Amino acid sequence: MRILPLALALLAPLALAGPAPYYKWQSKLDGQIACQQTSPGEGWELFEGTPYRDLRCTQPIARMIWRAPGASR
């Protein structure tokens, strides 16, 4: 009976997680560009480090800069 509250407490943060971002990957063989969430495999390298929210890699995810309350700009 004590396991259920513990399990809910540990799994609750996962409910707030968003989808994984997409990245541009470039083929080392012929230079083609692919947009995927993970590497297509060996022979591919990260083309840009910019994360995207869509599967065509056209909408970059805006970086949020967090500042502590009362901190100067």
PDB file of N, CA and C in Angstrom:
ATOM      1  N   MET A   1       0.819  -1.195   0.000  1.00  0.00           N
ATOM      2  CA  MET A   1       0.000   0.000   0.000  1.00  0.00           C
ATOM      3  C   MET A   1       0.867   1.266   0.000  1.00  0.00           C
ATOM      4  N   ARG A   2       2.054   1.177   0.578  1.00  0.00           N
ATOM      5  CA  ARG A   2       2.949   2.343   0.607  1.00  0.00           C
ATOM      6  C   ARG A   2       3.665   2.546  -0.723  1.00  0.00           C
ATOM      7  N   ILE A   3       3.668   1.536  -1.545  1.00  0.00           N
ATOM      8  CA  ILE A   3       4.386   1.611  -2.821  1.00  0.00           C
ATOM      9  C   ILE A   3       3.685   2.543  -3.802  1.00  0.00           C
ATOM     10  N   LEU A   4       2.368   2.570  -3.803  1.00  0.00           N
ATOM     11  CA  LEU A   4       1.628   3.402  -4.751  1.00  0.00           C
ATOM     12  C   LEU A   4       1.941   4.891  -4.597  1.00  0.00           C
ATOM     13  N   PRO A   5       1.894   5.465  -3.391  1.00  0.00           N
ATOM     14  CA  PRO A   5       2.251   6.891  -3.279  1.00  0.00           C
ATOM     15  C   PRO A   5       3.698   7.176  -3.688  1.00  0.00           C
ATOM     16  N   LEU A   6       4.592   6.262  -3.359  1.00  0.00           N
ATOM     17  CA  LEU A   6       5.993   6.441  -3.738  1.00  0.00           C
ATOM     18  C   LEU A   6       6.145   6.402  -5.258  1.00  0.00           C
ATOM     19  N   ALA A   7       5.487   5.451  -5.902  1.00  0.00           N
ATOM     20  CA  ALA A   7       5.556   5.352  -7.356  1.00  0.00           C
ATOM     21  C   ALA A   7       4.982   6.596  -8.018  1.00  0.00           C
ATOM     22  N   LEU A   8       3.866   7.094  -7.511  1.00  0.00           N
ATOM     23  CA  LEU A   8       3.274   8.318  -8.071  1.00  0.00           C
ATOM     24  C   LEU A   8       4.198   9.518  -7.897  1.00  0.00           C
ATOM     25  N   ALA A   9       4.844   9.599  -6.762  1.00  0.00           N
ATOM     26  CA  ALA A   9       5.767  10.718  -6.513  1.00  0.00           C
ATOM     27  C   ALA A   9       6.973  10.658  -7.457  1.00  0.00           C
ATOM     28  N   LEU A  10       7.441   9.464  -7.753  1.00  0.00           N
ATOM     29  CA  LEU A  10       8.605   9.332  -8.635  1.00  0.00           C
ATOM     30  C   LEU A  10       8.250   9.515 -10.105  1.00  0.00           C
ATOM     31  N   LEU A  11       7.030   9.168 -10.500  1.00  0.00           N
ATOM     32  CA  LEU A  11       6.630   9.261 -11.897  1.00  0.00           C
ATOM     33  C   LEU A  11       5.979  10.588 -12.260  1.00  0.00           C
ATOM     34  N   ALA A  12       5.600  11.383 -11.287  1.00  0.00           N
ATOM     35  CA  ALA A  12       4.917  12.659 -11.555  1.00  0.00           C
ATOM     36  C   ALA A  12       5.733  13.599 -12.451  1.00  0.00           C
ATOM     37  N   PRO A  13       7.037  13.758 -12.258  1.00  0.00           N
ATOM     38  CA  PRO A  13       7.798  14.665 -13.137  1.00  0.00           C
ATOM     39  C   PRO A  13       7.783  14.225 -14.597  1.00  0.00           C
ATOM     40  N   LEU A  14       7.634  12.950 -14.865  1.00  0.00           N
ATOM     41  CA  LEU A  14       7.608  12.472 -16.248  1.00  0.00           C
ATOM     42  C   LEU A  14       6.370  12.961 -16.988  1.00  0.00           C
ATOM     43  N   ALA A  15       5.286  13.222 -16.256  1.00  0.00           N
ATOM     44  CA  ALA A  15       4.059  13.699 -16.890  1.00  0.00           C
ATOM     45  C   ALA A  15       4.242  15.114 -17.442  1.00  0.00           C
ATOM     46  N   LEU A  16       5.209  15.851 -16.936  1.00  0.00           N
ATOM     47  CA  LEU A  16       5.449  17.223 -17.368  1.00  0.00           C
ATOM     48  C   LEU A  16       6.479  17.323 -18.489  1.00  0.00           C
ATOM     49  N   ALA A  17       7.071  16.216 -18.829  1.00  0.00           N
ATOM     50  CA  ALA A  17       8.117  16.234 -19.854  1.00  0.00           C
ATOM     51  C   ALA A  17       7.527  16.505 -21.235  1.00  0.00           C
ATOM     52  N   GLY A  18       8.243  17.274 -22.030  1.00  0.00           N
ATOM     53  CA  GLY A  18       7.807  17.581 -23.386  1.00  0.00           C
ATOM     54  C   GLY A  18       8.448  16.631 -24.383  1.00  0.00           C
ATOM     55  N   PRO A  19       8.119  16.779 -25.654  1.00  0.00           N
ATOM     56  CA  PRO A  19       8.717  15.912 -26.673  1.00  0.00           C
ATOM     57  C   PRO A  19      10.200  16.233 -26.869  1.00  0.00           C
ATOM     58  N   ALA A  20      10.939  15.254 -27.323  1.00  0.00           N
ATOM     59  CA  ALA A  20      12.364  15.447 -27.592  1.00  0.00           C
ATOM     60  C   ALA A  20      12.535  16.366 -28.798  1.00  0.00           C
ATOM     61  N   PRO A  21      13.551  17.228 -28.784  1.00  0.00           N
ATOM     62  CA  PRO A  21      13.772  18.112 -29.938  1.00  0.00           C
ATOM     63  C   PRO A  21      14.365  17.351 -31.118  1.00  0.00           C
ATOM     64  N   TYR A  22      14.246  17.954 -32.291  1.00  0.00           N
ATOM     65  CA  TYR A  22      14.832  17.422 -33.521  1.00  0.00           C
ATOM     66  C   TYR A  22      16.134  18.168 -33.789  1.00  0.00           C
ATOM     67  N   TYR A  23      17.050  17.501 -34.473  1.00  0.00           N
ATOM     68  CA  TYR A  23      18.335  18.104 -34.832  1.00  0.00           C
ATOM     69  C   TYR A  23      18.639  17.809 -36.288  1.00  0.00           C
ATOM     70  N   LYS A  24      19.484  18.629 -36.897  1.00  0.00           N
ATOM     71  CA  LYS A  24      19.948  18.378 -38.259  1.00  0.00           C
ATOM     72  C   LYS A  24      21.194  17.510 -38.186  1.00  0.00           C
ATOM     73  N   TRP A  25      21.203  16.443 -38.990  1.00  0.00           N
ATOM     74  CA  TRP A  25      22.325  15.523 -39.066  1.00  0.00           C
ATOM     75  C   TRP A  25      22.849  15.519 -40.501  1.00  0.00           C
ATOM     76  N   GLN A  26      24.166  15.484 -40.675  1.00  0.00           N
ATOM     77  CA  GLN A  26      24.776  15.498 -42.002  1.00  0.00           C
ATOM     78  C   GLN A  26      25.518  14.189 -42.247  1.00  0.00           C
ATOM     79  N   SER A  27      25.298  13.643 -43.445  1.00  0.00           N
ATOM     80  CA  SER A  27      25.967  12.406 -43.831  1.00  0.00           C
ATOM     81  C   SER A  27      27.443  12.692 -44.111  1.00  0.00           C
ATOM     82  N   LYS A  28      28.316  11.853 -43.579  1.00  0.00           N
ATOM     83  CA  LYS A  28      29.744  11.981 -43.862  1.00  0.00           C
ATOM     84  C   LYS A  28      30.069  11.477 -45.268  1.00  0.00           C
ATOM     85  N   LEU A  29      29.170  10.667 -45.826  1.00  0.00           N
ATOM     86  CA  LEU A  29      29.397  10.074 -47.132  1.00  0.00           C
ATOM     87  C   LEU A  29      29.120  11.052 -48.274  1.00  0.00           C
ATOM     88  N   ASP A  30      27.913  11.654 -48.290  1.00  0.00           N
ATOM     89  CA  ASP A  30      27.556  12.519 -49.413  1.00  0.00           C
ATOM     90  C   ASP A  30      27.039  13.899 -49.011  1.00  0.00           C
ATOM     91  N   GLY A  31      27.050  14.221 -47.724  1.00  0.00           N
ATOM     92  CA  GLY A  31      26.673  15.555 -47.274  1.00  0.00           C
ATOM     93  C   GLY A  31      25.181  15.808 -47.158  1.00  0.00           C
ATOM     94  N   GLN A  32      24.340  14.786 -47.363  1.00  0.00           N
ATOM     95  CA  GLN A  32      22.899  14.982 -47.221  1.00  0.00           C
ATOM     96  C   GLN A  32      22.558  15.384 -45.799  1.00  0.00           C
ATOM     97  N   ILE A  33      21.478  16.167 -45.666  1.00  0.00           N
ATOM     98  CA  ILE A  33      21.019  16.624 -44.358  1.00  0.00           C
ATOM     99  C   ILE A  33      19.731  15.887 -44.012  1.00  0.00           C
ATOM    100  N   ALA A  34      19.645  15.391 -42.784  1.00  0.00           N
ATOM    101  CA  ALA A  34      18.436  14.738 -42.291  1.00  0.00           C
ATOM    102  C   ALA A  34      18.029  15.420 -40.994  1.00  0.00           C
ATOM    103  N   CYS A  35      16.735  15.461 -40.724  1.00  0.00           N
ATOM    104  CA  CYS A  35      16.219  16.055 -39.498  1.00  0.00           C
ATOM    105  C   CYS A  35      15.594  14.936 -38.671  1.00  0.00           C
ATOM    106  N   GLN A  36      16.233  14.592 -37.553  1.00  0.00           N
ATOM    107  CA  GLN A  36      15.747  13.517 -36.694  1.00  0.00           C
ATOM    108  C   GLN A  36      16.037  13.835 -35.241  1.00  0.00           C
ATOM    109  N   GLN A  37      15.340  13.109 -34.358  1.00  0.00           N
ATOM    110  CA  GLN A  37      15.549  13.324 -32.930  1.00  0.00           C
ATOM    111  C   GLN A  37      16.838  12.673 -32.443  1.00  0.00           C
ATOM    112  N   THR A  38      17.226  11.578 -33.062  1.00  0.00           N
ATOM    113  CA  THR A  38      18.459  10.881 -32.690  1.00  0.00           C
ATOM    114  C   THR A  38      19.300  10.659 -33.950  1.00  0.00           C
ATOM    115  N   SER A  39      20.536  10.284 -33.756  1.00  0.00           N
ATOM    116  CA  SER A  39      21.435  10.055 -34.889  1.00  0.00           C
ATOM    117  C   SER A  39      20.903   8.947 -35.796  1.00  0.00           C
ATOM    118  N   PRO A  40      20.942   9.142 -37.120  1.00  0.00           N
ATOM    119  CA  PRO A  40      20.518   8.089 -38.040  1.00  0.00           C
ATOM    120  C   PRO A  40      21.447   6.874 -38.019  1.00  0.00           C
ATOM    121  N   GLY A  41      22.588   6.980 -37.400  1.00  0.00           N
ATOM    122  CA  GLY A  41      23.512   5.846 -37.295  1.00  0.00           C
ATOM    123  C   GLY A  41      24.941   6.276 -37.566  1.00  0.00           C
ATOM    124  N   GLU A  42      25.792   5.271 -37.741  1.00  0.00           N
ATOM    125  CA  GLU A  42      27.195   5.561 -38.044  1.00  0.00           C
ATOM    126  C   GLU A  42      27.272   6.251 -39.399  1.00  0.00           C
ATOM    127  N   GLY A  43      28.209   7.136 -39.542  1.00  0.00           N
ATOM    128  CA  GLY A  43      28.347   7.855 -40.813  1.00  0.00           C
ATOM    129  C   GLY A  43      27.590   9.172 -40.824  1.00  0.00           C
ATOM    130  N   TRP A  44      26.972   9.520 -39.706  1.00  0.00           N
ATOM    131  CA  TRP A  44      26.246  10.782 -39.595  1.00  0.00           C
ATOM    132  C   TRP A  44      26.821  11.570 -38.436  1.00  0.00           C
ATOM    133  N   GLU A  45      26.878  12.899 -38.596  1.00  0.00           N
ATOM    134  CA  GLU A  45      27.344  13.770 -37.519  1.00  0.00           C
ATOM    135  C   GLU A  45      26.370  14.927 -37.365  1.00  0.00           C
ATOM    136  N   LEU A  46      26.345  15.474 -36.175  1.00  0.00           N
ATOM    137  CA  LEU A  46      25.459  16.596 -35.883  1.00  0.00           C
ATOM    138  C   LEU A  46      25.854  17.785 -36.750  1.00  0.00           C
ATOM    139  N   PHE A  47      24.915  18.294 -37.550  1.00  0.00           N
ATOM    140  CA  PHE A  47      25.204  19.393 -38.475  1.00  0.00           C
ATOM    141  C   PHE A  47      25.207  20.724 -37.746  1.00  0.00           C
ATOM    142  N   GLU A  48      24.205  20.958 -36.943  1.00  0.00           N
ATOM    143  CA  GLU A  48      24.106  22.162 -36.120  1.00  0.00           C
ATOM    144  C   GLU A  48      23.705  21.713 -34.727  1.00  0.00           C
ATOM    145  N   GLY A  49      24.051  22.475 -33.751  1.00  0.00           N
ATOM    146  CA  GLY A  49      23.626  22.138 -32.402  1.00  0.00           C
ATOM    147  C   GLY A  49      22.279  22.733 -32.038  1.00  0.00           C
ATOM    148  N   THR A  50      21.617  23.353 -33.007  1.00  0.00           N
ATOM    149  CA  THR A  50      20.340  24.023 -32.748  1.00  0.00           C
ATOM    150  C   THR A  50      19.214  23.005 -32.635  1.00  0.00           C
ATOM    151  N   PRO A  51      18.464  23.006 -31.530  1.00  0.00           N
ATOM    152  CA  PRO A  51      17.302  22.118 -31.433  1.00  0.00           C
ATOM    153  C   PRO A  51      16.096  22.729 -32.142  1.00  0.00           C
ATOM    154  N   TYR A  52      15.288  21.889 -32.770  1.00  0.00           N
ATOM    155  CA  TYR A  52      14.088  22.324 -33.479  1.00  0.00           C
ATOM    156  C   TYR A  52      12.865  21.631 -32.893  1.00  0.00           C
ATOM    157  N   ARG A  53      11.705  22.286 -33.032  1.00  0.00           N
ATOM    158  CA  ARG A  53      10.476  21.710 -32.487  1.00  0.00           C
ATOM    159  C   ARG A  53       9.682  20.911 -33.513  1.00  0.00           C
ATOM    160  N   ASP A  54      10.016  21.007 -34.807  1.00  0.00           N
ATOM    161  CA  ASP A  54       9.259  20.298 -35.835  1.00  0.00           C
ATOM    162  C   ASP A  54      10.153  19.333 -36.609  1.00  0.00           C
ATOM    163  N   LEU A  55       9.533  18.372 -37.284  1.00  0.00           N
ATOM    164  CA  LEU A  55      10.307  17.327 -37.956  1.00  0.00           C
ATOM    165  C   LEU A  55      10.907  17.758 -39.281  1.00  0.00           C
ATOM    166  N   ARG A  56      10.711  18.988 -39.693  1.00  0.00           N
ATOM    167  CA  ARG A  56      11.396  19.525 -40.884  1.00  0.00           C
ATOM    168  C   ARG A  56      12.555  20.441 -40.505  1.00  0.00           C
ATOM    169  N   CYS A  57      12.758  20.618 -39.211  1.00  0.00           N
ATOM    170  CA  CYS A  57      13.825  21.482 -38.693  1.00  0.00           C
ATOM    171  C   CYS A  57      13.707  22.902 -39.234  1.00  0.00           C
ATOM    172  N   THR A  58      12.494  23.462 -39.167  1.00  0.00           N
ATOM    173  CA  THR A  58      12.280  24.839 -39.620  1.00  0.00           C
ATOM    174  C   THR A  58      11.923  25.776 -38.473  1.00  0.00           C
ATOM    175  N   GLN A  59      11.549  25.237 -37.313  1.00  0.00           N
ATOM    176  CA  GLN A  59      11.143  26.062 -36.179  1.00  0.00           C
ATOM    177  C   GLN A  59      12.102  25.844 -35.008  1.00  0.00           C
ATOM    178  N   PRO A  60      13.124  26.683 -34.892  1.00  0.00           N
ATOM    179  CA  PRO A  60      14.064  26.514 -33.779  1.00  0.00           C
ATOM    180  C   PRO A  60      13.367  26.723 -32.432  1.00  0.00           C
ATOM    181  N   ILE A  61      13.849  26.007 -31.449  1.00  0.00           N
ATOM    182  CA  ILE A  61      13.333  26.179 -30.099  1.00  0.00           C
ATOM    183  C   ILE A  61      14.048  27.376 -29.494  1.00  0.00           C
ATOM    184  N   ALA A  62      13.271  28.352 -29.051  1.00  0.00           N
ATOM    185  CA  ALA A  62      13.859  29.553 -28.455  1.00  0.00           C
ATOM    186  C   ALA A  62      14.503  29.183 -27.129  1.00  0.00           C
ATOM    187  N   ARG A  63      15.677  29.681 -26.921  1.00  0.00           N
ATOM    188  CA  ARG A  63      16.359  29.443 -25.652  1.00  0.00           C
ATOM    189  C   ARG A  63      15.805  30.395 -24.611  1.00  0.00           C
ATOM    190  N   MET A  64      15.491  29.857 -23.466  1.00  0.00           N
ATOM    191  CA  MET A  64      14.984  30.686 -22.379  1.00  0.00           C
ATOM    192  C   MET A  64      16.131  30.960 -21.421  1.00  0.00           C
ATOM    193  N   ILE A  65      16.295  32.206 -21.077  1.00  0.00           N
ATOM    194  CA  ILE A  65      17.330  32.594 -20.121  1.00  0.00           C
ATOM    195  C   ILE A  65      16.652  32.844 -18.794  1.00  0.00           C
ATOM    196  N   TRP A  66      16.995  32.027 -17.809  1.00  0.00           N
ATOM    197  CA  TRP A  66      16.383  32.154 -16.497  1.00  0.00           C
ATOM    198  C   TRP A  66      17.229  33.069 -15.634  1.00  0.00           C
ATOM    199  N   ARG A  67      16.562  33.986 -14.989  1.00  0.00           N
ATOM    200  CA  ARG A  67      17.254  34.886 -14.052  1.00  0.00           C
ATOM    201  C   ARG A  67      16.564  34.794 -12.712  1.00  0.00           C
ATOM    202  N   ALA A  68      17.341  34.840 -11.666  1.00  0.00           N
ATOM    203  CA  ALA A  68      16.775  34.810 -10.322  1.00  0.00           C
ATOM    204  C   ALA A  68      15.988  36.077 -10.081  1.00  0.00           C
ATOM    205  N   PRO A  69      14.883  35.984  -9.335  1.00  0.00           N
ATOM    206  CA  PRO A  69      14.114  37.190  -9.040  1.00  0.00           C
ATOM    207  C   PRO A  69      14.995  38.236  -8.362  1.00  0.00           C
ATOM    208  N   GLY A  70      14.904  39.448  -8.851  1.00  0.00           N
ATOM    209  CA  GLY A  70      15.683  40.536  -8.279  1.00  0.00           C
ATOM    210  C   GLY A  70      17.086  40.671  -8.859  1.00  0.00           C
ATOM    211  N   ALA A  71      17.475  39.787  -9.762  1.00  0.00           N
ATOM    212  CA  ALA A  71      18.805  39.869 -10.361  1.00  0.00           C
ATOM    213  C   ALA A  71      18.842  40.986 -11.384  1.00  0.00           C
ATOM    214  N   SER A  72      19.982  41.645 -11.492  1.00  0.00           N
ATOM    215  CA  SER A  72      20.103  42.724 -12.468  1.00  0.00           C
ATOM    216  C   SER A  72      20.305  42.159 -13.857  1.00  0.00           C
ATOM    217  N   ARG A  73      19.936  42.914 -14.865  1.00  0.00           N
ATOM    218  CA  ARG A  73      20.068  42.462 -16.248  1.00  0.00           C
ATOM    219  C   ARG A  73      21.391  42.847 -16.749  1.00  0.00           C
TER     220      ARG A  73
END
